[in-house]
Structure formats: structure tokens, C-alpha cells
PDB file of N, CA and C in Angstrom:
ATOM      1  N   UNK A   1    -133.544  -1.382  19.457  1.00  0.00           N
ATOM      2  CA  UNK A   1    -133.481  -1.391  18.021  1.00  0.00           C
ATOM      3  C   UNK A   1    -132.932  -2.724  17.528  1.00  0.00           C
ATOM      4  N   UNK A   2    -131.812  -3.184  18.100  1.00  0.00           N
ATOM      5  CA  UNK A   2    -131.225  -4.439  17.633  1.00  0.00           C
ATOM      6  C   UNK A   2    -132.126  -5.627  17.949  1.00  0.00           C
ATOM      7  N   UNK A   3    -132.860  -5.557  19.038  1.00  0.00           N
ATOM      8  CA  UNK A   3    -133.791  -6.640  19.365  1.00  0.00           C
ATOM      9  C   UNK A   3    -134.850  -6.763  18.266  1.00  0.00           C
ATOM     10  N   UNK A   4    -135.322  -5.645  17.753  1.00  0.00           N
ATOM     11  CA  UNK A   4    -136.320  -5.677  16.680  1.00  0.00           C
ATOM     12  C   UNK A   4    -135.699  -6.207  15.383  1.00  0.00           C
ATOM     13  N   UNK A   5    -134.474  -5.797  15.087  1.00  0.00           N
ATOM     14  CA  UNK A   5    -133.790  -6.344  13.915  1.00  0.00           C
ATOM     15  C   UNK A   5    -133.675  -7.863  14.047  1.00  0.00           C
ATOM     16  N   UNK A   6    -133.294  -8.331  15.218  1.00  0.00           N
ATOM     17  CA  UNK A   6    -133.138  -9.766  15.440  1.00  0.00           C
ATOM     18  C   UNK A   6    -134.479 -10.488  15.303  1.00  0.00           C
ATOM     19  N   UNK A   7    -135.544  -9.844  15.709  1.00  0.00           N
ATOM     20  CA  UNK A   7    -136.867 -10.466  15.631  1.00  0.00           C
ATOM     21  C   UNK A   7    -137.292 -10.709  14.183  1.00  0.00           C
ATOM     22  N   UNK A   8    -136.988  -9.771  13.292  1.00  0.00           N
ATOM     23  CA  UNK A   8    -137.479  -9.883  11.912  1.00  0.00           C
ATOM     24  C   UNK A   8    -136.470 -10.500  10.938  1.00  0.00           C
ATOM     25  N   UNK A   9    -135.217 -10.626  11.353  1.00  0.00           N
ATOM     26  CA  UNK A   9    -134.189 -11.183  10.459  1.00  0.00           C
ATOM     27  C   UNK A   9    -134.032 -12.678  10.729  1.00  0.00           C
ATOM     28  N   UNK A  10    -134.119 -13.464   9.691  1.00  0.00           N
ATOM     29  CA  UNK A  10    -134.019 -14.914   9.872  1.00  0.00           C
ATOM     30  C   UNK A  10    -132.588 -15.307  10.263  1.00  0.00           C
ATOM     31  N   UNK A  11    -132.445 -16.451  10.946  1.00  0.00           N
ATOM     32  CA  UNK A  11    -131.108 -16.948  11.286  1.00  0.00           C
ATOM     33  C   UNK A  11    -130.259 -17.099  10.015  1.00  0.00           C
ATOM     34  N   UNK A  12    -129.016 -16.681  10.102  1.00  0.00           N
ATOM     35  CA  UNK A  12    -128.121 -16.702   8.948  1.00  0.00           C
ATOM     36  C   UNK A  12    -128.194 -15.428   8.123  1.00  0.00           C
ATOM     37  N   UNK A  13    -129.141 -14.542   8.471  1.00  0.00           N
ATOM     38  CA  UNK A  13    -129.306 -13.294   7.730  1.00  0.00           C
ATOM     39  C   UNK A  13    -128.220 -12.279   8.044  1.00  0.00           C
ATOM     40  N   UNK A  14    -128.102 -11.300   7.177  1.00  0.00           N
ATOM     41  CA  UNK A  14    -127.110 -10.227   7.317  1.00  0.00           C
ATOM     42  C   UNK A  14    -127.820  -8.911   7.574  1.00  0.00           C
ATOM     43  N   UNK A  15    -127.299  -8.149   8.511  1.00  0.00           N
ATOM     44  CA  UNK A  15    -127.810  -6.816   8.825  1.00  0.00           C
ATOM     45  C   UNK A  15    -126.692  -5.811   8.584  1.00  0.00           C
ATOM     46  N   UNK A  16    -126.978  -4.792   7.777  1.00  0.00           N
ATOM     47  CA  UNK A  16    -126.047  -3.690   7.551  1.00  0.00           C
ATOM     48  C   UNK A  16    -126.644  -2.455   8.204  1.00  0.00           C
ATOM     49  N   UNK A  17    -125.866  -1.818   9.071  1.00  0.00           N
ATOM     50  CA  UNK A  17    -126.291  -0.586   9.733  1.00  0.00           C
ATOM     51  C   UNK A  17    -125.256   0.484   9.402  1.00  0.00           C
ATOM     52  N   UNK A  18    -125.725   1.595   8.852  1.00  0.00           N
ATOM     53  CA  UNK A  18    -124.847   2.706   8.501  1.00  0.00           C
ATOM     54  C   UNK A  18    -125.440   3.986   9.073  1.00  0.00           C
ATOM     55  N   UNK A  19    -124.593   4.765   9.719  1.00  0.00           N
ATOM     56  CA  UNK A  19    -125.070   6.004  10.331  1.00  0.00           C
ATOM     57  C   UNK A  19    -123.919   6.999  10.390  1.00  0.00           C
ATOM     58  N   UNK A  20    -124.270   8.236  10.665  1.00  0.00           N
ATOM     59  CA  UNK A  20    -123.244   9.256  10.891  1.00  0.00           C
ATOM     60  C   UNK A  20    -122.399   8.789  12.069  1.00  0.00           C
ATOM     61  N   UNK A  21    -121.099   8.918  11.945  1.00  0.00           N
ATOM     62  CA  UNK A  21    -120.191   8.486  13.007  1.00  0.00           C
ATOM     63  C   UNK A  21    -120.467   9.289  14.282  1.00  0.00           C
ATOM     64  N   UNK A  22    -120.418   8.633  15.465  1.00  0.00           N
ATOM     65  CA  UNK A  22    -120.676   9.371  16.708  1.00  0.00           C
ATOM     66  C   UNK A  22    -119.762  10.584  16.898  1.00  0.00           C
ATOM     67  N   UNK A  23    -118.526  10.511  16.400  1.00  0.00           N
ATOM     68  CA  UNK A  23    -117.631  11.667  16.517  1.00  0.00           C
ATOM     69  C   UNK A  23    -118.153  12.857  15.722  1.00  0.00           C
ATOM     70  N   UNK A  24    -118.819  12.609  14.602  1.00  0.00           N
ATOM     71  CA  UNK A  24    -119.397  13.699  13.818  1.00  0.00           C
ATOM     72  C   UNK A  24    -120.597  14.308  14.544  1.00  0.00           C
ATOM     73  N   UNK A  25    -121.407  13.471  15.179  1.00  0.00           N
ATOM     74  CA  UNK A  25    -122.541  13.993  15.956  1.00  0.00           C
ATOM     75  C   UNK A  25    -122.022  14.891  17.077  1.00  0.00           C
ATOM     76  N   UNK A  26    -120.962  14.462  17.734  1.00  0.00           N
ATOM     77  CA  UNK A  26    -120.360  15.284  18.804  1.00  0.00           C
ATOM     78  C   UNK A  26    -119.905  16.642  18.268  1.00  0.00           C
ATOM     79  N   UNK A  27    -119.532  16.673  16.999  1.00  0.00           N
ATOM     80  CA  UNK A  27    -119.051  17.923  16.386  1.00  0.00           C
ATOM     81  C   UNK A  27    -120.182  18.763  15.810  1.00  0.00           C
ATOM     82  N   UNK A  28    -121.409  18.276  15.926  1.00  0.00           N
ATOM     83  CA  UNK A  28    -122.541  19.064  15.464  1.00  0.00           C
ATOM     84  C   UNK A  28    -123.045  18.736  14.077  1.00  0.00           C
ATOM     85  N   UNK A  29    -122.567  17.661  13.472  1.00  0.00           N
ATOM     86  CA  UNK A  29    -123.032  17.285  12.131  1.00  0.00           C
ATOM     87  C   UNK A  29    -124.375  16.569  12.239  1.00  0.00           C
ATOM     88  N   UNK A  30    -125.408  17.357  12.382  1.00  0.00           N
ATOM     89  CA  UNK A  30    -126.762  16.829  12.494  1.00  0.00           C
ATOM     90  C   UNK A  30    -127.548  17.368  11.306  1.00  0.00           C
ATOM     91  N   UNK A  31    -128.111  16.465  10.491  1.00  0.00           N
ATOM     92  CA  UNK A  31    -128.821  16.918   9.289  1.00  0.00           C
ATOM     93  C   UNK A  31    -130.018  17.818   9.596  1.00  0.00           C
ATOM     94  N   UNK A  32    -130.294  18.712   8.683  1.00  0.00           N
ATOM     95  CA  UNK A  32    -131.453  19.594   8.766  1.00  0.00           C
ATOM     96  C   UNK A  32    -132.539  19.063   7.847  1.00  0.00           C
ATOM     97  N   UNK A  33    -133.765  19.411   8.155  1.00  0.00           N
ATOM     98  CA  UNK A  33    -134.900  19.002   7.337  1.00  0.00           C
ATOM     99  C   UNK A  33    -136.015  20.030   7.514  1.00  0.00           C
ATOM    100  N   UNK A  34    -136.848  20.220   6.512  1.00  0.00           N
ATOM    101  CA  UNK A  34    -137.971  21.137   6.706  1.00  0.00           C
ATOM    102  C   UNK A  34    -139.054  20.492   7.571  1.00  0.00           C
ATOM    103  N   UNK A  35    -139.657  21.306   8.444  1.00  0.00           N
ATOM    104  CA  UNK A  35    -140.775  20.849   9.253  1.00  0.00           C
ATOM    105  C   UNK A  35    -142.055  20.856   8.436  1.00  0.00           C
ATOM    106  N   UNK A  36    -143.194  20.573   9.075  1.00  0.00           N
ATOM    107  CA  UNK A  36    -144.473  20.493   8.368  1.00  0.00           C
ATOM    108  C   UNK A  36    -144.836  21.758   7.598  1.00  0.00           C
ATOM    109  N   UNK A  37    -144.425  22.908   8.111  1.00  0.00           N
ATOM    110  CA  UNK A  37    -144.741  24.172   7.443  1.00  0.00           C
ATOM    111  C   UNK A  37    -143.537  24.763   6.723  1.00  0.00           C
ATOM    112  N   UNK A  38    -142.495  23.937   6.503  1.00  0.00           N
ATOM    113  CA  UNK A  38    -141.307  24.413   5.810  1.00  0.00           C
ATOM    114  C   UNK A  38    -140.299  25.103   6.706  1.00  0.00           C
ATOM    115  N   UNK A  39    -140.588  25.171   8.014  1.00  0.00           N
ATOM    116  CA  UNK A  39    -139.668  25.832   8.938  1.00  0.00           C
ATOM    117  C   UNK A  39    -138.445  24.954   9.183  1.00  0.00           C
ATOM    118  N   UNK A  40    -137.308  25.568   9.522  1.00  0.00           N
ATOM    119  CA  UNK A  40    -136.090  24.786   9.755  1.00  0.00           C
ATOM    120  C   UNK A  40    -136.235  23.854  10.956  1.00  0.00           C
ATOM    121  N   UNK A  41    -135.819  22.629  10.788  1.00  0.00           N
ATOM    122  CA  UNK A  41    -135.795  21.647  11.876  1.00  0.00           C
ATOM    123  C   UNK A  41    -134.487  20.876  11.787  1.00  0.00           C
ATOM    124  N   UNK A  42    -133.989  20.453  12.913  1.00  0.00           N
ATOM    125  CA  UNK A  42    -132.828  19.563  12.959  1.00  0.00           C
ATOM    126  C   UNK A  42    -133.308  18.178  13.357  1.00  0.00           C
ATOM    127  N   UNK A  43    -132.778  17.174  12.702  1.00  0.00           N
ATOM    128  CA  UNK A  43    -133.052  15.807  13.104  1.00  0.00           C
ATOM    129  C   UNK A  43    -132.409  15.611  14.467  1.00  0.00           C
ATOM    130  N   UNK A  44    -133.114  14.968  15.381  1.00  0.00           N
ATOM    131  CA  UNK A  44    -132.558  14.757  16.705  1.00  0.00           C
ATOM    132  C   UNK A  44    -131.405  13.772  16.604  1.00  0.00           C
ATOM    133  N   UNK A  45    -130.256  14.177  17.081  1.00  0.00           N
ATOM    134  CA  UNK A  45    -129.074  13.335  17.019  1.00  0.00           C
ATOM    135  C   UNK A  45    -128.724  12.782  18.387  1.00  0.00           C
ATOM    136  N   UNK A  46    -128.252  11.565  18.403  1.00  0.00           N
ATOM    137  CA  UNK A  46    -127.831  10.918  19.636  1.00  0.00           C
ATOM    138  C   UNK A  46    -126.434  10.372  19.440  1.00  0.00           C
ATOM    139  N   UNK A  47    -125.615  10.485  20.470  1.00  0.00           N
ATOM    140  CA  UNK A  47    -124.285   9.901  20.432  1.00  0.00           C
ATOM    141  C   UNK A  47    -124.370   8.525  21.084  1.00  0.00           C
ATOM    142  N   UNK A  48    -124.193   7.496  20.265  1.00  0.00           N
ATOM    143  CA  UNK A  48    -124.144   6.124  20.757  1.00  0.00           C
ATOM    144  C   UNK A  48    -122.717   5.644  20.538  1.00  0.00           C
ATOM    145  N   UNK A  49    -121.920   5.548  21.606  1.00  0.00           N
ATOM    146  CA  UNK A  49    -120.532   5.111  21.435  1.00  0.00           C
ATOM    147  C   UNK A  49    -120.442   3.770  20.707  1.00  0.00           C
ATOM    148  N   UNK A  50    -119.348   3.587  20.001  1.00  0.00           N
ATOM    149  CA  UNK A  50    -119.143   2.389  19.199  1.00  0.00           C
ATOM    150  C   UNK A  50    -119.264   1.136  20.070  1.00  0.00           C
ATOM    151  N   UNK A  51    -118.663   1.146  21.234  1.00  0.00           N
ATOM    152  CA  UNK A  51    -118.734  -0.013  22.126  1.00  0.00           C
ATOM    153  C   UNK A  51    -120.156  -0.326  22.558  1.00  0.00           C
ATOM    154  N   UNK A  52    -120.956   0.700  22.814  1.00  0.00           N
ATOM    155  CA  UNK A  52    -122.349   0.491  23.209  1.00  0.00           C
ATOM    156  C   UNK A  52    -123.144  -0.120  22.058  1.00  0.00           C
ATOM    157  N   UNK A  53    -122.859   0.289  20.838  1.00  0.00           N
ATOM    158  CA  UNK A  53    -123.536  -0.304  19.678  1.00  0.00           C
ATOM    159  C   UNK A  53    -123.164  -1.777  19.542  1.00  0.00           C
ATOM    160  N   UNK A  54    -121.891  -2.064  19.713  1.00  0.00           N
ATOM    161  CA  UNK A  54    -121.428  -3.451  19.639  1.00  0.00           C
ATOM    162  C   UNK A  54    -122.134  -4.307  20.686  1.00  0.00           C
ATOM    163  N   UNK A  55    -122.165  -3.853  21.934  1.00  0.00           N
ATOM    164  CA  UNK A  55    -122.782  -4.644  23.007  1.00  0.00           C
ATOM    165  C   UNK A  55    -124.278  -4.833  22.781  1.00  0.00           C
ATOM    166  N   UNK A  56    -124.966  -3.816  22.286  1.00  0.00           N
ATOM    167  CA  UNK A  56    -126.406  -3.937  22.015  1.00  0.00           C
ATOM    168  C   UNK A  56    -126.659  -4.978  20.937  1.00  0.00           C
ATOM    169  N   UNK A  57    -125.837  -4.971  19.903  1.00  0.00           N
ATOM    170  CA  UNK A  57    -126.000  -5.958  18.827  1.00  0.00           C
ATOM    171  C   UNK A  57    -125.670  -7.362  19.336  1.00  0.00           C
ATOM    172  N   UNK A  58    -124.601  -7.494  20.063  1.00  0.00           N
ATOM    173  CA  UNK A  58    -124.213  -8.801  20.618  1.00  0.00           C
ATOM    174  C   UNK A  58    -125.302  -9.351  21.538  1.00  0.00           C
ATOM    175  N   UNK A  59    -125.836  -8.492  22.393  1.00  0.00           N
ATOM    176  CA  UNK A  59    -126.876  -8.924  23.329  1.00  0.00           C
ATOM    177  C   UNK A  59    -128.159  -9.350  22.618  1.00  0.00           C
ATOM    178  N   UNK A  60    -128.366  -8.856  21.390  1.00  0.00           N
ATOM    179  CA  UNK A  60    -129.538  -9.239  20.596  1.00  0.00           C
ATOM    180  C   UNK A  60    -129.269 -10.482  19.751  1.00  0.00           C
ATOM    181  N   UNK A  61    -128.062 -11.052  19.867  1.00  0.00           N
ATOM    182  CA  UNK A  61    -127.759 -12.285  19.153  1.00  0.00           C
ATOM    183  C   UNK A  61    -127.003 -12.119  17.853  1.00  0.00           C
ATOM    184  N   UNK A  62    -126.482 -10.931  17.589  1.00  0.00           N
ATOM    185  CA  UNK A  62    -125.726 -10.706  16.359  1.00  0.00           C
ATOM    186  C   UNK A  62    -124.239 -10.909  16.588  1.00  0.00           C
ATOM    187  N   UNK A  63    -123.555 -11.325  15.520  1.00  0.00           N
ATOM    188  CA  UNK A  63    -122.100 -11.379  15.506  1.00  0.00           C
ATOM    189  C   UNK A  63    -121.606 -10.333  14.526  1.00  0.00           C
ATOM    190  N   UNK A  64    -120.515  -9.667  14.860  1.00  0.00           N
ATOM    191  CA  UNK A  64    -119.955  -8.643  13.978  1.00  0.00           C
ATOM    192  C   UNK A  64    -119.168  -9.312  12.867  1.00  0.00           C
ATOM    193  N   UNK A  65    -119.547  -9.032  11.615  1.00  0.00           N
ATOM    194  CA  UNK A  65    -118.787  -9.496  10.455  1.00  0.00           C
ATOM    195  C   UNK A  65    -117.765  -8.450  10.031  1.00  0.00           C
ATOM    196  N   UNK A  66    -118.134  -7.186  10.223  1.00  0.00           N
ATOM    197  CA  UNK A  66    -117.233  -6.097   9.836  1.00  0.00           C
ATOM    198  C   UNK A  66    -117.699  -4.812  10.498  1.00  0.00           C
ATOM    199  N   UNK A  67    -116.767  -3.906  10.684  1.00  0.00           N
ATOM    200  CA  UNK A  67    -117.063  -2.564  11.199  1.00  0.00           C
ATOM    201  C   UNK A  67    -116.132  -1.602  10.479  1.00  0.00           C
ATOM    202  N   UNK A  68    -116.709  -0.693   9.707  1.00  0.00           N
ATOM    203  CA  UNK A  68    -115.919   0.254   8.924  1.00  0.00           C
ATOM    204  C   UNK A  68    -116.152   1.669   9.427  1.00  0.00           C
ATOM    205  N   UNK A  69    -115.099   2.458   9.404  1.00  0.00           N
ATOM    206  CA  UNK A  69    -115.174   3.872   9.759  1.00  0.00           C
ATOM    207  C   UNK A  69    -114.483   4.670   8.648  1.00  0.00           C
ATOM    208  N   UNK A  70    -115.181   4.833   7.511  1.00  0.00           N
ATOM    209  CA  UNK A  70    -114.550   5.516   6.376  1.00  0.00           C
ATOM    210  C   UNK A  70    -114.095   6.931   6.738  1.00  0.00           C
ATOM    211  N   UNK A  71    -112.886   7.243   6.324  1.00  0.00           N
ATOM    212  CA  UNK A  71    -112.276   8.544   6.585  1.00  0.00           C
ATOM    213  C   UNK A  71    -112.180   9.290   5.276  1.00  0.00           C
ATOM    214  N   UNK A  72    -112.362  10.581   5.349  1.00  0.00           N
ATOM    215  CA  UNK A  72    -112.141  11.405   4.169  1.00  0.00           C
ATOM    216  C   UNK A  72    -113.270  12.368   3.962  1.00  0.00           C
ATOM    217  N   UNK A  73    -112.905  13.535   3.616  1.00  0.00           N
ATOM    218  CA  UNK A  73    -113.898  14.574   3.375  1.00  0.00           C
ATOM    219  C   UNK A  73    -113.743  15.113   1.971  1.00  0.00           C
ATOM    220  N   UNK A  74    -112.509  15.144   1.511  1.00  0.00           N
ATOM    221  CA  UNK A  74    -112.269  15.661   0.164  1.00  0.00           C
ATOM    222  C   UNK A  74    -112.276  17.172   0.133  1.00  0.00           C
ATOM    223  N   UNK A  75    -111.865  17.699  -0.964  1.00  0.00           N
ATOM    224  CA  UNK A  75    -111.852  19.145  -1.132  1.00  0.00           C
ATOM    225  C   UNK A  75    -113.269  19.638  -1.375  1.00  0.00           C
ATOM    226  N   UNK A  76    -113.630  20.638  -0.648  1.00  0.00           N
ATOM    227  CA  UNK A  76    -114.964  21.212  -0.763  1.00  0.00           C
ATOM    228  C   UNK A  76    -114.982  22.212  -1.906  1.00  0.00           C
ATOM    229  N   UNK A  77    -115.922  22.091  -2.844  1.00  0.00           N
ATOM    230  CA  UNK A  77    -115.983  23.088  -3.914  1.00  0.00           C
ATOM    231  C   UNK A  77    -116.300  24.467  -3.353  1.00  0.00           C
ATOM    232  N   UNK A  78    -115.728  25.492  -3.946  1.00  0.00           N
ATOM    233  CA  UNK A  78    -115.928  26.851  -3.463  1.00  0.00           C
ATOM    234  C   UNK A  78    -117.279  27.396  -3.919  1.00  0.00           C
ATOM    235  N   UNK A  79    -117.958  28.023  -3.007  1.00  0.00           N
ATOM    236  CA  UNK A  79    -119.224  28.699  -3.297  1.00  0.00           C
ATOM    237  C   UNK A  79    -119.087  30.149  -2.836  1.00  0.00           C
ATOM    238  N   UNK A  80    -119.710  31.054  -3.554  1.00  0.00           N
ATOM    239  CA  UNK A  80    -119.651  32.460  -3.161  1.00  0.00           C
ATOM    240  C   UNK A  80    -120.665  32.800  -2.087  1.00  0.00           C
ATOM    241  N   UNK A  81    -121.758  32.073  -2.018  1.00  0.00           N
ATOM    242  CA  UNK A  81    -122.814  32.330  -1.047  1.00  0.00           C
ATOM    243  C   UNK A  81    -123.169  31.027  -0.343  1.00  0.00           C
ATOM    244  N   UNK A  82    -123.550  31.122   0.916  1.00  0.00           N
ATOM    245  CA  UNK A  82    -124.015  29.891   1.569  1.00  0.00           C
ATOM    246  C   UNK A  82    -125.291  29.402   0.916  1.00  0.00           C
ATOM    247  N   UNK A  83    -125.467  28.106   0.895  1.00  0.00           N
ATOM    248  CA  UNK A  83    -126.656  27.521   0.290  1.00  0.00           C
ATOM    249  C   UNK A  83    -127.876  27.668   1.186  1.00  0.00           C
ATOM    250  N   UNK A  84    -128.950  27.002   0.828  1.00  0.00           N
ATOM    251  CA  UNK A  84    -130.189  27.090   1.597  1.00  0.00           C
ATOM    252  C   UNK A  84    -130.004  26.525   3.003  1.00  0.00           C
ATOM    253  N   UNK A  85    -130.825  26.975   3.948  1.00  0.00           N
ATOM    254  CA  UNK A  85    -130.674  26.593   5.356  1.00  0.00           C
ATOM    255  C   UNK A  85    -130.655  25.092   5.558  1.00  0.00           C
ATOM    256  N   UNK A  86    -131.413  24.307   4.735  1.00  0.00           N
ATOM    257  CA  UNK A  86    -131.509  22.880   5.000  1.00  0.00           C
ATOM    258  C   UNK A  86    -130.218  22.134   4.712  1.00  0.00           C
ATOM    259  N   UNK A  87    -129.297  22.772   4.022  1.00  0.00           N
ATOM    260  CA  UNK A  87    -128.024  22.110   3.767  1.00  0.00           C
ATOM    261  C   UNK A  87    -126.908  22.639   4.666  1.00  0.00           C
ATOM    262  N   UNK A  88    -127.218  23.532   5.587  1.00  0.00           N
ATOM    263  CA  UNK A  88    -126.210  24.007   6.532  1.00  0.00           C
ATOM    264  C   UNK A  88    -125.951  22.916   7.553  1.00  0.00           C
ATOM    265  N   UNK A  89    -124.804  22.739   8.122  1.00  0.00           N
ATOM    266  CA  UNK A  89    -123.634  23.594   7.978  1.00  0.00           C
ATOM    267  C   UNK A  89    -122.772  23.264   6.769  1.00  0.00           C
ATOM    268  N   UNK A  90    -123.164  22.240   6.008  1.00  0.00           N
ATOM    269  CA  UNK A  90    -122.290  21.772   4.932  1.00  0.00           C
ATOM    270  C   UNK A  90    -122.045  22.817   3.858  1.00  0.00           C
ATOM    271  N   UNK A  91    -123.027  23.616   3.493  1.00  0.00           N
ATOM    272  CA  UNK A  91    -122.751  24.631   2.474  1.00  0.00           C
ATOM    273  C   UNK A  91    -121.893  25.760   3.019  1.00  0.00           C
ATOM    274  N   UNK A  92    -121.900  25.959   4.319  1.00  0.00           N
ATOM    275  CA  UNK A  92    -121.017  26.967   4.905  1.00  0.00           C
ATOM    276  C   UNK A  92    -119.560  26.527   4.788  1.00  0.00           C
ATOM    277  N   UNK A  93    -119.324  25.211   4.832  1.00  0.00           N
ATOM    278  CA  UNK A  93    -117.972  24.692   4.711  1.00  0.00           C
ATOM    279  C   UNK A  93    -117.346  25.082   3.372  1.00  0.00           C
ATOM    280  N   UNK A  94    -118.166  25.205   2.351  1.00  0.00           N
ATOM    281  CA  UNK A  94    -117.654  25.537   1.024  1.00  0.00           C
ATOM    282  C   UNK A  94    -117.051  26.937   0.970  1.00  0.00           C
ATOM    283  N   UNK A  95    -117.420  27.789   1.910  1.00  0.00           N
ATOM    284  CA  UNK A  95    -116.882  29.153   1.935  1.00  0.00           C
ATOM    285  C   UNK A  95    -115.424  29.177   2.398  1.00  0.00           C
ATOM    286  N   UNK A  96    -115.021  28.153   3.148  1.00  0.00           N
ATOM    287  CA  UNK A  96    -113.652  28.087   3.674  1.00  0.00           C
ATOM    288  C   UNK A  96    -113.111  26.663   3.473  1.00  0.00           C
ATOM    289  N   UNK A  97    -112.862  26.264   2.214  1.00  0.00           N
ATOM    290  CA  UNK A  97    -112.502  24.878   1.939  1.00  0.00           C
ATOM    291  C   UNK A  97    -111.233  24.400   2.635  1.00  0.00           C
ATOM    292  N   UNK A  98    -110.227  25.261   2.767  1.00  0.00           N
ATOM    293  CA  UNK A  98    -108.980  24.828   3.409  1.00  0.00           C
ATOM    294  C   UNK A  98    -109.215  24.526   4.885  1.00  0.00           C
ATOM    295  N   UNK A  99    -109.979  25.367   5.556  1.00  0.00           N
ATOM    296  CA  UNK A  99    -110.280  25.135   6.970  1.00  0.00           C
ATOM    297  C   UNK A  99    -111.150  23.896   7.149  1.00  0.00           C
ATOM    298  N   UNK A 100    -112.098  23.703   6.238  1.00  0.00           N
ATOM    299  CA  UNK A 100    -112.964  22.519   6.306  1.00  0.00           C
ATOM    300  C   UNK A 100    -112.141  21.250   6.154  1.00  0.00           C
ATOM    301  N   UNK A 101    -111.262  21.227   5.143  1.00  0.00           N
ATOM    302  CA  UNK A 101    -110.432  20.048   4.932  1.00  0.00           C
ATOM    303  C   UNK A 101    -109.549  19.779   6.149  1.00  0.00           C
ATOM    304  N   UNK A 102    -108.987  20.816   6.743  1.00  0.00           N
ATOM    305  CA  UNK A 102    -108.136  20.647   7.926  1.00  0.00           C
ATOM    306  C   UNK A 102    -108.951  20.135   9.114  1.00  0.00           C
ATOM    307  N   UNK A 103    -110.165  20.627   9.273  1.00  0.00           N
ATOM    308  CA  UNK A 103    -110.998  20.224  10.412  1.00  0.00           C
ATOM    309  C   UNK A 103    -111.411  18.764  10.325  1.00  0.00           C
ATOM    310  N   UNK A 104    -111.598  18.239   9.120  1.00  0.00           N
ATOM    311  CA  UNK A 104    -112.059  16.866   8.955  1.00  0.00           C
ATOM    312  C   UNK A 104    -110.934  15.873   8.691  1.00  0.00           C
ATOM    313  N   UNK A 105    -109.716  16.349   8.572  1.00  0.00           N
ATOM    314  CA  UNK A 105    -108.588  15.486   8.227  1.00  0.00           C
ATOM    315  C   UNK A 105    -108.496  14.285   9.177  1.00  0.00           C
ATOM    316  N   UNK A 106    -108.554  13.086   8.607  1.00  0.00           N
ATOM    317  CA  UNK A 106    -108.361  11.872   9.385  1.00  0.00           C
ATOM    318  C   UNK A 106    -109.536  11.418  10.225  1.00  0.00           C
ATOM    319  N   UNK A 107    -110.645  12.140  10.193  1.00  0.00           N
ATOM    320  CA  UNK A 107    -111.802  11.781  11.011  1.00  0.00           C
ATOM    321  C   UNK A 107    -112.807  10.950  10.221  1.00  0.00           C
ATOM    322  N   UNK A 108    -113.333   9.899  10.841  1.00  0.00           N
ATOM    323  CA  UNK A 108    -114.352   9.108  10.141  1.00  0.00           C
ATOM    324  C   UNK A 108    -115.660   9.873  10.055  1.00  0.00           C
ATOM    325  N   UNK A 109    -116.334   9.723   8.935  1.00  0.00           N
ATOM    326  CA  UNK A 109    -117.614  10.393   8.752  1.00  0.00           C
ATOM    327  C   UNK A 109    -118.793   9.468   8.999  1.00  0.00           C
ATOM    328  N   UNK A 110    -118.569   8.181   8.789  1.00  0.00           N
ATOM    329  CA  UNK A 110    -119.634   7.191   8.938  1.00  0.00           C
ATOM    330  C   UNK A 110    -119.162   6.055   9.829  1.00  0.00           C
ATOM    331  N   UNK A 111    -120.136   5.332  10.351  1.00  0.00           N
ATOM    332  CA  UNK A 111    -119.884   4.075  11.041  1.00  0.00           C
ATOM    333  C   UNK A 111    -120.768   3.047  10.348  1.00  0.00           C
ATOM    334  N   UNK A 112    -120.147   2.028   9.772  1.00  0.00           N
ATOM    335  CA  UNK A 112    -120.875   1.023   9.002  1.00  0.00           C
ATOM    336  C   UNK A 112    -120.598  -0.354   9.623  1.00  0.00           C
ATOM    337  N   UNK A 113    -121.656  -0.980  10.080  1.00  0.00           N
ATOM    338  CA  UNK A 113    -121.571  -2.309  10.689  1.00  0.00           C
ATOM    339  C   UNK A 113    -122.136  -3.355   9.734  1.00  0.00           C
ATOM    340  N   UNK A 114    -121.547  -4.525   9.772  1.00  0.00           N
ATOM    341  CA  UNK A 114    -122.138  -5.699   9.109  1.00  0.00           C
ATOM    342  C   UNK A 114    -122.245  -6.786  10.179  1.00  0.00           C
ATOM    343  N   UNK A 115    -123.483  -7.184  10.431  1.00  0.00           N
ATOM    344  CA  UNK A 115    -123.769  -8.188  11.450  1.00  0.00           C
ATOM    345  C   UNK A 115    -124.348  -9.437  10.811  1.00  0.00           C
ATOM    346  N   UNK A 116    -124.127 -10.573  11.438  1.00  0.00           N
ATOM    347  CA  UNK A 116    -124.743 -11.841  11.052  1.00  0.00           C
ATOM    348  C   UNK A 116    -125.596 -12.320  12.216  1.00  0.00           C
ATOM    349  N   UNK A 117    -126.706 -12.905  11.884  1.00  0.00           N
ATOM    350  CA  UNK A 117    -127.580 -13.456  12.921  1.00  0.00           C
ATOM    351  C   UNK A 117    -127.494 -14.959  12.882  1.00  0.00           C
TER     352      UNK A 117
END
């Protein structure tokens, strides 16, 4: 992936990569999406450790300008019923906001890289 980014990005260019944090993927935070016939599907998730991402980018000729791991989940609004399947497990979290907030306390939700070529 980084080799292709390096191929199309001119020297001096900036690449921003943002994705679900690998720790969230390990916890099962994989987005849902409808399939061709509307059936439930999960996007295939992969755990790429932060160090492996760094080395792949470096090997493709990028330098790291910044790496952010935003933390925070916030209070989940209360819902009486779980939402539609495509928003699970996130709508299920709204049924137990205190437990959700405790489970996510201090954990990064995203991994955001800024690279220079």
C-alpha cells in the first residue's frame, strides 16, 4: 500500500492516513455494511501493529511528520432499543452508557499518520 502511495505522490508531498486504531480492531470494532442484497456484512478487518505501519512507510521512502492516537469516546446517548444491524455494535453501546464509557476509557479510537515524501 505505501509503495503505491509513494509511486503517485510527488516528492515533497504529504500523505495523511487515518484508520481505526489496531487496538479497536482487536476488540471487535469492525464496521458493518449491507451486502449486494442488503444482507449483513462485516468489513474485513486486519490488525496492523503501529510499528509495522511505521516500517512499511519508511521502507517506501516516507518520513513520519506526526502520529496521533486520539483518545476519547464520550458519553453515549441512551437509546431504548438497539438500532439497525448495520450500526451494531455501536448502537448496543447506547443501552449501557456507563459500561461503554468505562470500557473505552483512555483507549485510542483512531490512528492518524502524517507522512512526507
